C-alpha atoms as a PDB file:
ATOM      1  CA  UNK A   1       0.000   0.000   0.000  1.00  0.00           C
ATOM      2  CA  UNK A   2       3.015   2.275  -0.293  1.00  0.00           C
ATOM      3  CA  UNK A   3       1.574   3.741  -3.493  1.00  0.00           C
ATOM      4  CA  UNK A   4      -1.309   5.221  -1.482  1.00  0.00           C
ATOM      5  CA  UNK A   5       0.886   6.662   1.282  1.00  0.00           C
ATOM      6  CA  UNK A   6       0.813  10.223  -0.171  1.00  0.00           C
ATOM      7  CA  UNK A   7      -2.992  10.084  -0.283  1.00  0.00           C
ATOM      8  CA  UNK A   8      -3.124   8.883   3.308  1.00  0.00           C
ATOM      9  CA  UNK A   9      -0.819  11.689   4.457  1.00  0.00           C
ATOM     10  CA  UNK A  10      -2.934  14.300   2.682  1.00  0.00           C
ATOM     11  CA  UNK A  11      -6.249  12.911   3.910  1.00  0.00           C
ATOM     12  CA  UNK A  12      -4.940  12.480   7.453  1.00  0.00           C
ATOM     13  CA  UNK A  13      -4.013  16.166   7.516  1.00  0.00           C
ATOM     14  CA  UNK A  14      -7.486  17.036   6.224  1.00  0.00           C
ATOM     15  CA  UNK A  15      -9.100  14.849   8.869  1.00  0.00           C
ATOM     16  CA  UNK A  16      -7.105  16.375  11.709  1.00  0.00           C
ATOM     17  CA  UNK A  17      -8.088  19.807  10.445  1.00  0.00           C
ATOM     18  CA  UNK A  18     -11.831  19.150  10.670  1.00  0.00           C
ATOM     19  CA  UNK A  19     -12.178  16.494  13.411  1.00  0.00           C
ATOM     20  CA  UNK A  20     -13.544  18.005  16.605  1.00  0.00           C
ATOM     21  CA  UNK A  21     -12.504  16.555  19.939  1.00  0.00           C
ATOM     22  CA  UNK A  22     -15.401  16.049  22.326  1.00  0.00           C
ATOM     23  CA  UNK A  23     -15.813  14.867  25.899  1.00  0.00           C
ATOM     24  CA  UNK A  24     -17.899  11.705  26.347  1.00  0.00           C
ATOM     25  CA  UNK A  25     -18.756  12.452  29.983  1.00  0.00           C
ATOM     26  CA  UNK A  26     -20.666  15.566  28.893  1.00  0.00           C
ATOM     27  CA  UNK A  27     -23.236  13.415  27.065  1.00  0.00           C
ATOM     28  CA  UNK A  28     -24.163  11.207  30.022  1.00  0.00           C
ATOM     29  CA  UNK A  29     -27.106  12.194  32.303  1.00  0.00           C
ATOM     30  CA  UNK A  30     -25.265  11.436  35.519  1.00  0.00           C
ATOM     31  CA  UNK A  31     -27.926  13.141  37.649  1.00  0.00           C
ATOM     32  CA  UNK A  32     -30.416  10.464  36.571  1.00  0.00           C
ATOM     33  CA  UNK A  33     -28.157   7.581  37.605  1.00  0.00           C
ATOM     34  CA  UNK A  34     -28.510   5.536  40.777  1.00  0.00           C
ATOM     35  CA  UNK A  35     -26.796   2.497  42.237  1.00  0.00           C
ATOM     36  CA  UNK A  36     -27.600  -0.974  40.947  1.00  0.00           C
ATOM     37  CA  UNK A  37     -27.916  -4.075  43.080  1.00  0.00           C
ATOM     38  CA  UNK A  38     -24.696  -5.826  44.085  1.00  0.00           C
ATOM     39  CA  UNK A  39     -21.868  -4.490  46.249  1.00  0.00           C
ATOM     40  CA  UNK A  40     -23.440  -0.998  46.411  1.00  0.00           C
ATOM     41  CA  UNK A  41     -26.813  -2.345  47.551  1.00  0.00           C
ATOM     42  CA  UNK A  42     -28.846  -0.401  45.027  1.00  0.00           C
ATOM     43  CA  UNK A  43     -31.962  -1.326  43.075  1.00  0.00           C
ATOM     44  CA  UNK A  44     -31.942  -4.141  40.531  1.00  0.00           C
ATOM     45  CA  UNK A  45     -32.796  -3.340  36.929  1.00  0.00           C
ATOM     46  CA  UNK A  46     -36.422  -3.927  35.915  1.00  0.00           C
ATOM     47  CA  UNK A  47     -37.783  -3.851  32.338  1.00  0.00           C
ATOM     48  CA  UNK A  48     -40.269  -1.084  33.136  1.00  0.00           C
ATOM     49  CA  UNK A  49     -37.380   1.241  34.025  1.00  0.00           C
ATOM     50  CA  UNK A  50     -36.494   1.628  30.357  1.00  0.00           C
ATOM     51  CA  UNK A  51     -38.340   4.352  28.485  1.00  0.00           C
ATOM     52  CA  UNK A  52     -37.180   3.024  25.112  1.00  0.00           C
ATOM     53  CA  UNK A  53     -39.150   0.816  22.708  1.00  0.00           C
ATOM     54  CA  UNK A  54     -37.762  -2.701  22.309  1.00  0.00           C
ATOM     55  CA  UNK A  55     -36.427  -2.029  18.804  1.00  0.00           C
ATOM     56  CA  UNK A  56     -34.474   1.005  20.012  1.00  0.00           C
ATOM     57  CA  UNK A  57     -33.068  -1.017  22.907  1.00  0.00           C
ATOM     58  CA  UNK A  58     -32.029  -3.655  20.372  1.00  0.00           C
ATOM     59  CA  UNK A  59     -30.387  -1.041  18.153  1.00  0.00           C
ATOM     60  CA  UNK A  60     -28.437   0.489  21.029  1.00  0.00           C
ATOM     61  CA  UNK A  61     -27.288  -2.927  22.235  1.00  0.00           C
ATOM     62  CA  UNK A  62     -26.133  -3.957  18.758  1.00  0.00           C
ATOM     63  CA  UNK A  63     -24.479  -0.583  18.186  1.00  0.00           C
ATOM     64  CA  UNK A  64     -22.649  -0.751  21.509  1.00  0.00           C
ATOM     65  CA  UNK A  65     -21.505  -4.359  21.194  1.00  0.00           C
ATOM     66  CA  UNK A  66     -20.281  -3.636  17.678  1.00  0.00           C
ATOM     67  CA  UNK A  67     -18.241  -0.718  19.020  1.00  0.00           C
ATOM     68  CA  UNK A  68     -16.979  -2.936  21.868  1.00  0.00           C
ATOM     69  CA  UNK A  69     -15.100  -5.151  19.421  1.00  0.00           C
ATOM     70  CA  UNK A  70     -12.708  -2.332  18.541  1.00  0.00           C
ATOM     71  CA  UNK A  71      -9.625  -4.386  19.575  1.00  0.00           C
ATOM     72  CA  UNK A  72     -10.369  -6.882  16.799  1.00  0.00           C
ATOM     73  CA  UNK A  73     -10.964  -4.154  14.222  1.00  0.00           C
ATOM     74  CA  UNK A  74      -7.737  -2.393  15.173  1.00  0.00           C
ATOM     75  CA  UNK A  75      -5.785  -5.624  14.847  1.00  0.00           C
ATOM     76  CA  UNK A  76      -7.241  -6.535  11.464  1.00  0.00           C
ATOM     77  CA  UNK A  77      -6.768  -3.061   9.983  1.00  0.00           C
ATOM     78  CA  UNK A  78      -3.271  -2.561  11.410  1.00  0.00           C
ATOM     79  CA  UNK A  79      -2.102  -5.941  10.117  1.00  0.00           C
ATOM     80  CA  UNK A  80      -3.434  -5.274   6.623  1.00  0.00           C
ATOM     81  CA  UNK A  81      -2.706  -1.565   6.210  1.00  0.00           C
ATOM     82  CA  UNK A  82       0.377  -1.254   8.403  1.00  0.00           C
ATOM     83  CA  UNK A  83       1.480   0.380  11.639  1.00  0.00           C
ATOM     84  CA  UNK A  84       4.227   2.550  10.194  1.00  0.00           C
ATOM     85  CA  UNK A  85       4.208   5.947   8.513  1.00  0.00           C
ATOM     86  CA  UNK A  86       0.961   7.689   7.662  1.00  0.00           C
ATOM     87  CA  UNK A  87      -0.993   4.440   7.697  1.00  0.00           C
ATOM     88  CA  UNK A  88       0.044   3.731  11.274  1.00  0.00           C
ATOM     89  CA  UNK A  89      -0.698   7.283  12.372  1.00  0.00           C
ATOM     90  CA  UNK A  90      -4.175   7.027  10.858  1.00  0.00           C
ATOM     91  CA  UNK A  91      -4.978   3.613  12.316  1.00  0.00           C
ATOM     92  CA  UNK A  92      -4.058   4.718  15.832  1.00  0.00           C
ATOM     93  CA  UNK A  93      -5.910   8.028  15.525  1.00  0.00           C
ATOM     94  CA  UNK A  94      -8.983   6.224  14.158  1.00  0.00           C
ATOM     95  CA  UNK A  95      -8.854   3.767  17.065  1.00  0.00           C
ATOM     96  CA  UNK A  96      -8.584   6.560  19.629  1.00  0.00           C
ATOM     97  CA  UNK A  97     -11.623   8.323  18.179  1.00  0.00           C
ATOM     98  CA  UNK A  98     -13.650   5.112  17.916  1.00  0.00           C
ATOM     99  CA  UNK A  99     -12.870   4.166  21.512  1.00  0.00           C
ATOM    100  CA  UNK A 100     -15.008   7.056  22.771  1.00  0.00           C
ATOM    101  CA  UNK A 101     -18.127   5.468  21.313  1.00  0.00           C
ATOM    102  CA  UNK A 102     -18.407   2.348  23.445  1.00  0.00           C
ATOM    103  CA  UNK A 103     -17.502   4.144  26.671  1.00  0.00           C
ATOM    104  CA  UNK A 104     -20.099   6.886  26.261  1.00  0.00           C
ATOM    105  CA  UNK A 105     -22.834   4.548  25.000  1.00  0.00           C
ATOM    106  CA  UNK A 106     -22.416   2.182  27.948  1.00  0.00           C
ATOM    107  CA  UNK A 107     -22.419   5.026  30.474  1.00  0.00           C
ATOM    108  CA  UNK A 108     -25.508   6.536  28.836  1.00  0.00           C
ATOM    109  CA  UNK A 109     -27.401   3.230  28.903  1.00  0.00           C
ATOM    110  CA  UNK A 110     -26.460   2.573  32.529  1.00  0.00           C
ATOM    111  CA  UNK A 111     -27.385   6.075  33.704  1.00  0.00           C
ATOM    112  CA  UNK A 112     -30.749   5.844  31.958  1.00  0.00           C
ATOM    113  CA  UNK A 113     -31.312   2.204  32.959  1.00  0.00           C
ATOM    114  CA  UNK A 114     -32.240   1.804  29.310  1.00  0.00           C
ATOM    115  CA  UNK A 115     -31.279  -1.876  28.984  1.00  0.00           C
ATOM    116  CA  UNK A 116     -30.564  -4.790  31.302  1.00  0.00           C
ATOM    117  CA  UNK A 117     -26.948  -4.190  32.429  1.00  0.00           C
ATOM    118  CA  UNK A 118     -26.334  -7.825  33.373  1.00  0.00           C
ATOM    119  CA  UNK A 119     -27.472  -9.106  29.979  1.00  0.00           C
ATOM    120  CA  UNK A 120     -25.450  -6.387  28.278  1.00  0.00           C
ATOM    121  CA  UNK A 121     -22.274  -7.438  30.090  1.00  0.00           C
ATOM    122  CA  UNK A 122     -22.866 -11.118  29.349  1.00  0.00           C
ATOM    123  CA  UNK A 123     -23.294 -10.311  25.655  1.00  0.00           C
ATOM    124  CA  UNK A 124     -20.174  -8.135  25.686  1.00  0.00           C
ATOM    125  CA  UNK A 125     -18.037 -10.863  27.206  1.00  0.00           C
ATOM    126  CA  UNK A 126     -19.235 -13.442  24.692  1.00  0.00           C
ATOM    127  CA  UNK A 127     -18.915 -11.134  21.707  1.00  0.00           C
ATOM    128  CA  UNK A 128     -15.505  -9.621  22.453  1.00  0.00           C
ATOM    129  CA  UNK A 129     -14.029 -12.926  23.665  1.00  0.00           C
ATOM    130  CA  UNK A 130     -15.052 -14.538  20.370  1.00  0.00           C
ATOM    131  CA  UNK A 131     -13.184 -11.863  18.446  1.00  0.00           C
ATOM    132  CA  UNK A 132     -13.989 -10.812  14.922  1.00  0.00           C
ATOM    133  CA  UNK A 133     -12.308 -11.668  11.660  1.00  0.00           C
ATOM    134  CA  UNK A 134     -13.507 -10.577   8.208  1.00  0.00           C
ATOM    135  CA  UNK A 135     -14.256 -13.381   5.808  1.00  0.00           C
ATOM    136  CA  UNK A 136     -13.452 -11.556   2.592  1.00  0.00           C
ATOM    137  CA  UNK A 137     -10.507  -9.254   3.324  1.00  0.00           C
ATOM    138  CA  UNK A 138      -8.109 -11.081   1.013  1.00  0.00           C
ATOM    139  CA  UNK A 139      -6.112  -7.938   0.167  1.00  0.00           C
ATOM    140  CA  UNK A 140      -5.571  -4.466   1.652  1.00  0.00           C
ATOM    141  CA  UNK A 141      -7.946  -3.184  -1.038  1.00  0.00           C
ATOM    142  CA  UNK A 142     -10.665  -5.411   0.408  1.00  0.00           C
ATOM    143  CA  UNK A 143      -9.954  -3.811   3.782  1.00  0.00           C
ATOM    144  CA  UNK A 144     -10.416  -0.325   2.330  1.00  0.00           C
ATOM    145  CA  UNK A 145     -13.574  -1.330   0.473  1.00  0.00           C
ATOM    146  CA  UNK A 146     -15.137  -2.902   3.569  1.00  0.00           C
ATOM    147  CA  UNK A 147     -14.308  -0.047   5.918  1.00  0.00           C
ATOM    148  CA  UNK A 148     -15.726   2.449   3.420  1.00  0.00           C
ATOM    149  CA  UNK A 149     -19.058   0.621   3.227  1.00  0.00           C
ATOM    150  CA  UNK A 150     -19.177  -0.230   6.922  1.00  0.00           C
ATOM    151  CA  UNK A 151     -18.464   3.290   8.178  1.00  0.00           C
ATOM    152  CA  UNK A 152     -21.238   4.684   5.983  1.00  0.00           C
ATOM    153  CA  UNK A 153     -23.659   2.001   7.175  1.00  0.00           C
ATOM    154  CA  UNK A 154     -22.720   2.633  10.810  1.00  0.00           C
ATOM    155  CA  UNK A 155     -23.222   6.375  10.415  1.00  0.00           C
ATOM    156  CA  UNK A 156     -26.720   5.769   9.105  1.00  0.00           C
ATOM    157  CA  UNK A 157     -27.598   3.273  11.841  1.00  0.00           C
ATOM    158  CA  UNK A 158     -26.452   5.643  14.591  1.00  0.00           C
ATOM    159  CA  UNK A 159     -28.368   8.577  13.113  1.00  0.00           C
ATOM    160  CA  UNK A 160     -31.575   6.586  12.810  1.00  0.00           C
ATOM    161  CA  UNK A 161     -31.222   5.148  16.305  1.00  0.00           C
ATOM    162  CA  UNK A 162     -30.879   8.645  17.718  1.00  0.00           C
ATOM    163  CA  UNK A 163     -33.952   9.860  15.867  1.00  0.00           C
ATOM    164  CA  UNK A 164     -36.000   7.110  17.549  1.00  0.00           C
ATOM    165  CA  UNK A 165     -34.625   7.611  21.079  1.00  0.00           C
ATOM    166  CA  UNK A 166     -37.459  10.004  21.866  1.00  0.00           C
ATOM    167  CA  UNK A 167     -35.408  12.583  23.729  1.00  0.00           C
ATOM    168  CA  UNK A 168     -33.012  15.397  22.895  1.00  0.00           C
ATOM    169  CA  UNK A 169     -30.006  13.987  24.747  1.00  0.00           C
ATOM    170  CA  UNK A 170     -30.220  10.557  23.133  1.00  0.00           C
ATOM    171  CA  UNK A 171     -30.503  12.102  19.695  1.00  0.00           C
ATOM    172  CA  UNK A 172     -27.624  14.481  20.428  1.00  0.00           C
ATOM    173  CA  UNK A 173     -25.375  11.653  21.596  1.00  0.00           C
ATOM    174  CA  UNK A 174     -26.047   9.452  18.581  1.00  0.00           C
ATOM    175  CA  UNK A 175     -25.595  12.405  16.234  1.00  0.00           C
ATOM    176  CA  UNK A 176     -22.224  13.122  17.856  1.00  0.00           C
ATOM    177  CA  UNK A 177     -21.092   9.527  17.346  1.00  0.00           C
ATOM    178  CA  UNK A 178     -22.447   9.533  13.787  1.00  0.00           C
ATOM    179  CA  UNK A 179     -20.410  12.663  13.058  1.00  0.00           C
ATOM    180  CA  UNK A 180     -17.236  10.744  13.938  1.00  0.00           C
ATOM    181  CA  UNK A 181     -18.305   7.860  11.715  1.00  0.00           C
ATOM    182  CA  UNK A 182     -18.988  10.272   8.870  1.00  0.00           C
ATOM    183  CA  UNK A 183     -15.461  11.683   8.984  1.00  0.00           C
ATOM    184  CA  UNK A 184     -14.033   8.170   9.103  1.00  0.00           C
ATOM    185  CA  UNK A 185     -16.134   7.200   6.101  1.00  0.00           C
ATOM    186  CA  UNK A 186     -14.944  10.251   4.157  1.00  0.00           C
ATOM    187  CA  UNK A 187     -11.323   9.293   4.829  1.00  0.00           C
ATOM    188  CA  UNK A 188     -11.718   5.672   3.768  1.00  0.00           C
ATOM    189  CA  UNK A 189     -13.894   6.551   0.780  1.00  0.00           C
ATOM    190  CA  UNK A 190     -11.363   9.014  -0.625  1.00  0.00           C
ATOM    191  CA  UNK A 191      -8.454   6.627  -0.082  1.00  0.00           C
ATOM    192  CA  UNK A 192     -10.467   3.980  -1.903  1.00  0.00           C
ATOM    193  CA  UNK A 193     -11.279   6.443  -4.697  1.00  0.00           C
ATOM    194  CA  UNK A 194      -7.542   6.997  -5.099  1.00  0.00           C
ATOM    195  CA  UNK A 195      -7.044   3.227  -5.083  1.00  0.00           C
ATOM    196  CA  UNK A 196      -9.525   2.932  -7.955  1.00  0.00           C
ATOM    197  CA  UNK A 197      -7.318   5.293  -9.933  1.00  0.00           C
ATOM    198  CA  UNK A 198      -4.085   3.520  -9.011  1.00  0.00           C
ATOM    199  CA  UNK A 199      -5.319  -0.090  -9.232  1.00  0.00           C
ATOM    200  CA  UNK A 200      -8.609   0.052 -11.195  1.00  0.00           C
ATOM    201  CA  UNK A 201      -9.061  -3.667 -11.823  1.00  0.00           C
ATOM    202  CA  UNK A 202      -7.993  -4.884  -8.388  1.00  0.00           C
ATOM    203  CA  UNK A 203      -9.907  -2.172  -6.501  1.00  0.00           C
ATOM    204  CA  UNK A 204     -13.096  -2.745  -8.505  1.00  0.00           C
ATOM    205  CA  UNK A 205     -12.801  -6.478  -7.863  1.00  0.00           C
ATOM    206  CA  UNK A 206     -12.343  -5.855  -4.136  1.00  0.00           C
ATOM    207  CA  UNK A 207     -15.428  -3.638  -4.025  1.00  0.00           C
ATOM    208  CA  UNK A 208     -17.477  -6.247  -5.884  1.00  0.00           C
ATOM    209  CA  UNK A 209     -16.404  -8.942  -3.424  1.00  0.00           C
ATOM    210  CA  UNK A 210     -17.263  -6.764  -0.426  1.00  0.00           C
ATOM    211  CA  UNK A 211     -20.627  -5.503  -1.682  1.00  0.00           C
ATOM    212  CA  UNK A 212     -21.860  -8.920  -2.787  1.00  0.00           C
ATOM    213  CA  UNK A 213     -20.979 -10.517   0.544  1.00  0.00           C
ATOM    214  CA  UNK A 214     -21.394  -7.577   2.913  1.00  0.00           C
ATOM    215  CA  UNK A 215     -22.333  -8.149   6.537  1.00  0.00           C
ATOM    216  CA  UNK A 216     -22.056  -5.773   9.477  1.00  0.00           C
ATOM    217  CA  UNK A 217     -19.458  -6.776  12.091  1.00  0.00           C
ATOM    218  CA  UNK A 218     -22.149  -7.244  14.747  1.00  0.00           C
ATOM    219  CA  UNK A 219     -23.712 -10.288  13.095  1.00  0.00           C
ATOM    220  CA  UNK A 220     -21.920 -12.569  15.556  1.00  0.00           C
ATOM    221  CA  UNK A 221     -23.790 -11.114  18.540  1.00  0.00           C
ATOM    222  CA  UNK A 222     -25.942 -13.732  20.255  1.00  0.00           C
ATOM    223  CA  UNK A 223     -29.570 -13.254  19.221  1.00  0.00           C
ATOM    224  CA  UNK A 224     -28.572 -10.942  16.376  1.00  0.00           C
ATOM    225  CA  UNK A 225     -31.186 -12.187  13.899  1.00  0.00           C
ATOM    226  CA  UNK A 226     -34.147 -11.473  16.154  1.00  0.00           C
ATOM    227  CA  UNK A 227     -32.772  -8.077  17.103  1.00  0.00           C
ATOM    228  CA  UNK A 228     -31.977  -7.250  13.473  1.00  0.00           C
ATOM    229  CA  UNK A 229     -35.540  -8.090  12.450  1.00  0.00           C
ATOM    230  CA  UNK A 230     -36.965  -5.675  15.022  1.00  0.00           C
ATOM    231  CA  UNK A 231     -34.374  -3.046  14.082  1.00  0.00           C
ATOM    232  CA  UNK A 232     -35.330  -3.393  10.423  1.00  0.00           C
ATOM    233  CA  UNK A 233     -39.065  -3.183  11.058  1.00  0.00           C
ATOM    234  CA  UNK A 234     -38.579  -0.027  13.149  1.00  0.00           C
ATOM    235  CA  UNK A 235     -36.697   1.669  10.322  1.00  0.00           C
ATOM    236  CA  UNK A 236     -33.342   1.880  12.056  1.00  0.00           C
ATOM    237  CA  UNK A 237     -31.471  -0.166   9.457  1.00  0.00           C
ATOM    238  CA  UNK A 238     -32.879  -2.459   6.798  1.00  0.00           C
ATOM    239  CA  UNK A 239     -32.439  -3.411   3.149  1.00  0.00           C
ATOM    240  CA  UNK A 240     -34.178  -0.268   1.940  1.00  0.00           C
ATOM    241  CA  UNK A 241     -31.859   1.952   3.989  1.00  0.00           C
ATOM    242  CA  UNK A 242     -28.815  -0.109   2.983  1.00  0.00           C
ATOM    243  CA  UNK A 243     -29.642   0.420  -0.682  1.00  0.00           C
ATOM    244  CA  UNK A 244     -30.867   4.029  -0.623  1.00  0.00           C
ATOM    245  CA  UNK A 245     -28.415   5.509   1.883  1.00  0.00           C
ATOM    246  CA  UNK A 246     -25.327   3.323   1.580  1.00  0.00           C
ATOM    247  CA  UNK A 247     -24.813   1.352  -1.626  1.00  0.00           C
ATOM    248  CA  UNK A 248     -26.477   3.632  -4.187  1.00  0.00           C
ATOM    249  CA  UNK A 249     -24.821   6.897  -3.049  1.00  0.00           C
ATOM    250  CA  UNK A 250     -21.457   5.166  -2.684  1.00  0.00           C
ATOM    251  CA  UNK A 251     -21.591   3.835  -6.241  1.00  0.00           C
ATOM    252  CA  UNK A 252     -22.563   7.271  -7.529  1.00  0.00           C
ATOM    253  CA  UNK A 253     -19.752   9.021  -5.673  1.00  0.00           C
ATOM    254  CA  UNK A 254     -17.108   6.523  -6.765  1.00  0.00           C
ATOM    255  CA  UNK A 255     -18.537   6.347 -10.323  1.00  0.00           C
ATOM    256  CA  UNK A 256     -17.776   2.635 -10.324  1.00  0.00           C
ATOM    257  CA  UNK A 257     -20.486   1.648 -12.795  1.00  0.00           C
ATOM    258  CA  UNK A 258     -19.451   4.259 -15.370  1.00  0.00           C
ATOM    259  CA  UNK A 259     -15.680   3.828 -15.085  1.00  0.00           C
ATOM    260  CA  UNK A 260     -13.818   3.137 -18.322  1.00  0.00           C
ATOM    261  CA  UNK A 261     -10.359   1.803 -19.041  1.00  0.00           C
ATOM    262  CA  UNK A 262     -10.854  -1.377 -17.049  1.00  0.00           C
ATOM    263  CA  UNK A 263      -9.254  -4.661 -18.006  1.00  0.00           C
ATOM    264  CA  UNK A 264     -11.155  -7.962 -18.280  1.00  0.00           C
ATOM    265  CA  UNK A 265     -11.137  -8.579 -14.501  1.00  0.00           C
ATOM    266  CA  UNK A 266     -12.266  -5.040 -13.770  1.00  0.00           C
ATOM    267  CA  UNK A 267     -15.096  -5.225 -16.292  1.00  0.00           C
ATOM    268  CA  UNK A 268     -16.301  -8.512 -14.806  1.00  0.00           C
ATOM    269  CA  UNK A 269     -16.264  -6.944 -11.348  1.00  0.00           C
ATOM    270  CA  UNK A 270     -18.089  -3.874 -12.666  1.00  0.00           C
ATOM    271  CA  UNK A 271     -20.794  -6.134 -14.091  1.00  0.00           C
ATOM    272  CA  UNK A 272     -21.074  -8.011 -10.792  1.00  0.00           C
ATOM    273  CA  UNK A 273     -21.553  -4.723  -8.949  1.00  0.00           C
ATOM    274  CA  UNK A 274     -24.241  -3.605 -11.399  1.00  0.00           C
ATOM    275  CA  UNK A 275     -26.159  -6.864 -11.091  1.00  0.00           C
ATOM    276  CA  UNK A 276     -25.858  -6.787  -7.311  1.00  0.00           C
ATOM    277  CA  UNK A 277     -27.172  -3.215  -7.201  1.00  0.00           C
ATOM    278  CA  UNK A 278     -30.172  -4.219  -9.322  1.00  0.00           C
ATOM    279  CA  UNK A 279     -30.970  -7.217  -7.111  1.00  0.00           C
ATOM    280  CA  UNK A 280     -30.556  -5.130  -3.975  1.00  0.00           C
ATOM    281  CA  UNK A 281     -32.894  -2.455  -5.329  1.00  0.00           C
ATOM    282  CA  UNK A 282     -35.571  -5.077  -6.016  1.00  0.00           C
ATOM    283  CA  UNK A 283     -35.112  -6.665  -2.592  1.00  0.00           C
ATOM    284  CA  UNK A 284     -35.251  -3.243  -0.943  1.00  0.00           C
ATOM    285  CA  UNK A 285     -38.512  -2.403  -2.712  1.00  0.00           C
ATOM    286  CA  UNK A 286     -40.109  -5.640  -1.496  1.00  0.00           C
ATOM    287  CA  UNK A 287     -38.831  -5.036   2.032  1.00  0.00           C
ATOM    288  CA  UNK A 288     -40.191  -1.476   1.987  1.00  0.00           C
ATOM    289  CA  UNK A 289     -43.633  -2.738   0.995  1.00  0.00           C
ATOM    290  CA  UNK A 290     -43.523  -5.303   3.799  1.00  0.00           C
ATOM    291  CA  UNK A 291     -42.590  -2.713   6.429  1.00  0.00           C
ATOM    292  CA  UNK A 292     -45.309  -0.355   5.187  1.00  0.00           C
ATOM    293  CA  UNK A 293     -47.924  -3.114   5.459  1.00  0.00           C
ATOM    294  CA  UNK A 294     -46.745  -3.940   8.964  1.00  0.00           C
ATOM    295  CA  UNK A 295     -47.050  -0.301  10.062  1.00  0.00           C
ATOM    296  CA  UNK A 296     -50.497   0.208   8.514  1.00  0.00           C
ATOM    297  CA  UNK A 297     -51.844  -2.978  10.105  1.00  0.00           C
ATOM    298  CA  UNK A 298     -50.990  -1.801  13.639  1.00  0.00           C
END
């Protein structure tokens, strides 16, 4: 990835110029918190203490546990992109910024008694202890393609979760986290755009592999399918959102489907991406109709 080092240096400088440091403790309603049962002799958590709908609880749990696995993400990205030079500086800066997310989300959920803290900790231990390894990161270009898509998807999920929290502070917190994810996405997306110029066939192939087999890193969470179904039905993140707010705008920005000058492998990958986008659009339309019927029948 030495060929992309100048791009990384330039984009890292841009990122540091616009990234705004923020203090996680300022987003936690500490005055609402009280002791839990256990050594402090407080009150045990009860389901009625949460003011959040089940789907929003699910979204916050999945979001938090996904952020909790940062050690695995750091390892995978550092191994594939490098720990030296501009790449290393970026990876460590990215990790430091991402680390704020899990700490503030957990404190917020505990202070609000929004979810069962014992279940949350059990899920965290299982999920982080299992680690996470991407199935299709065969090259550094696959790493860049995946992180570009995943950061955009995460930004959207956080924004939508905040909008459904039902209070100003919850929305403000999730918007703050989403703003970090947006800057991370912009970095990875532009590096990948430069990779498309430098290695058009290989980068297009990597993007095709990632898009056609994309899965969020939280899929290994115990009970993920049931939670994901409720999250989708509530409009936090579903196929329609994935198509309209992630895949379609990304393909437009990168101009992947209209790129010329590709070799045979690049053209095959370009065709795969086009066919995948068409299938995803059809699946998203059917999913949207299903969600609309579910909402009107309530």
